Protein backbone atom coordinates (compact mmCIF):
# COMPACT_ATOMS: atom_id res chain seq x y z
CA UNK A 1 0.00 0.00 0.00
CA UNK A 2 1.43 3.36 -1.05
CA UNK A 3 0.96 6.29 1.29
CA UNK A 4 0.49 9.86 0.23
CA UNK A 5 3.26 11.25 2.43
CA UNK A 6 6.03 8.78 1.76
CA UNK A 7 7.10 5.31 0.84
CA UNK A 8 5.52 2.22 2.31
CA UNK A 9 7.53 0.04 4.67
CA UNK A 10 8.16 -2.71 2.12
CA UNK A 11 9.69 -0.29 -0.38
CA UNK A 12 11.82 1.32 2.34
CA UNK A 13 13.11 -2.13 3.30
CA UNK A 14 14.01 -2.77 -0.34
CA UNK A 15 15.95 0.50 -0.56
CA UNK A 16 17.74 -0.20 2.72
CA UNK A 17 18.71 -3.66 1.45
CA UNK A 18 20.24 -2.11 -1.67
CA UNK A 19 22.14 0.38 0.49
CA UNK A 20 23.35 -2.41 2.76
CA UNK A 21 24.67 -4.46 -0.17
CA UNK A 22 26.64 -1.52 -1.58
CA UNK A 23 27.94 -0.61 1.87
CA UNK A 24 28.88 -4.17 2.84
CA UNK A 25 30.43 -5.30 -0.44
CA UNK A 26 31.49 -1.98 -1.93
CA UNK A 27 32.47 0.14 1.04
CA UNK A 28 30.01 2.89 0.17
CA UNK A 29 28.47 5.02 2.89
CA UNK A 30 24.74 4.84 3.52
CA UNK A 31 24.28 8.44 2.44
CA UNK A 32 26.20 7.91 -0.81
CA UNK A 33 24.01 4.97 -1.78
CA UNK A 34 20.76 6.49 -0.57
CA UNK A 35 21.31 9.68 -2.53
CA UNK A 36 22.23 7.99 -5.81
CA UNK A 37 19.65 8.14 -8.55
CA UNK A 38 17.76 4.83 -8.58
CA UNK A 39 19.01 3.83 -12.05
CA UNK A 40 22.62 4.44 -11.05
CA UNK A 41 22.24 2.53 -7.78
CA UNK A 42 20.70 -0.42 -9.62
CA UNK A 43 23.52 -0.37 -12.19
CA UNK A 44 26.11 -0.61 -9.42
CA UNK A 45 24.20 -3.46 -7.77
CA UNK A 46 23.93 -5.39 -11.03
CA UNK A 47 27.62 -4.81 -11.71
CA UNK A 48 28.48 -5.96 -8.20
CA UNK A 49 26.54 -9.19 -8.76
CA UNK A 50 28.35 -9.75 -12.06
CA UNK A 51 31.72 -9.16 -10.38
CA UNK A 52 30.98 -11.58 -7.54
CA UNK A 53 29.81 -14.24 -10.02
CA UNK A 54 33.05 -13.85 -12.00
CA UNK A 55 35.12 -14.09 -8.82
CA UNK A 56 33.26 -17.22 -7.70
CA UNK A 57 33.72 -18.83 -11.10
CA UNK A 58 37.46 -18.04 -11.07
CA UNK A 59 37.78 -19.48 -7.55
CA UNK A 60 35.94 -22.64 -8.59
CA UNK A 61 38.18 -23.04 -11.63
CA UNK A 62 41.29 -22.55 -9.50
CA UNK A 63 40.00 -25.11 -7.00
CA UNK A 64 39.34 -27.64 -9.77
CA UNK A 65 42.79 -27.04 -11.22
CA UNK A 66 44.51 -27.48 -7.88
CA UNK A 67 42.60 -30.70 -7.21
CA UNK A 68 43.62 -32.08 -10.59
CA UNK A 69 47.30 -31.54 -9.79
CA UNK A 70 47.27 -33.16 -6.34
CA UNK A 71 47.60 -36.62 -7.89
CA UNK A 72 50.96 -35.66 -9.40
CA UNK A 73 52.63 -35.48 -5.97
CA UNK A 74 54.16 -38.64 -4.45
């Protein structure tokens, strides 16, 4: 339910979650993230997700590679 004088609690929670993610993973301040235009904030969040996915994939590949070489040691 939207209120005339502000945002509803669910939408506020969504905004705070976005701010938390950028603060926790990106080191941004709350005020920096809160004051970003919505489209810019969403771009940074999407880019952060892409970066984390790439890092996870690289870590998985490195783990697989290191496991494949353990049989070479005697």
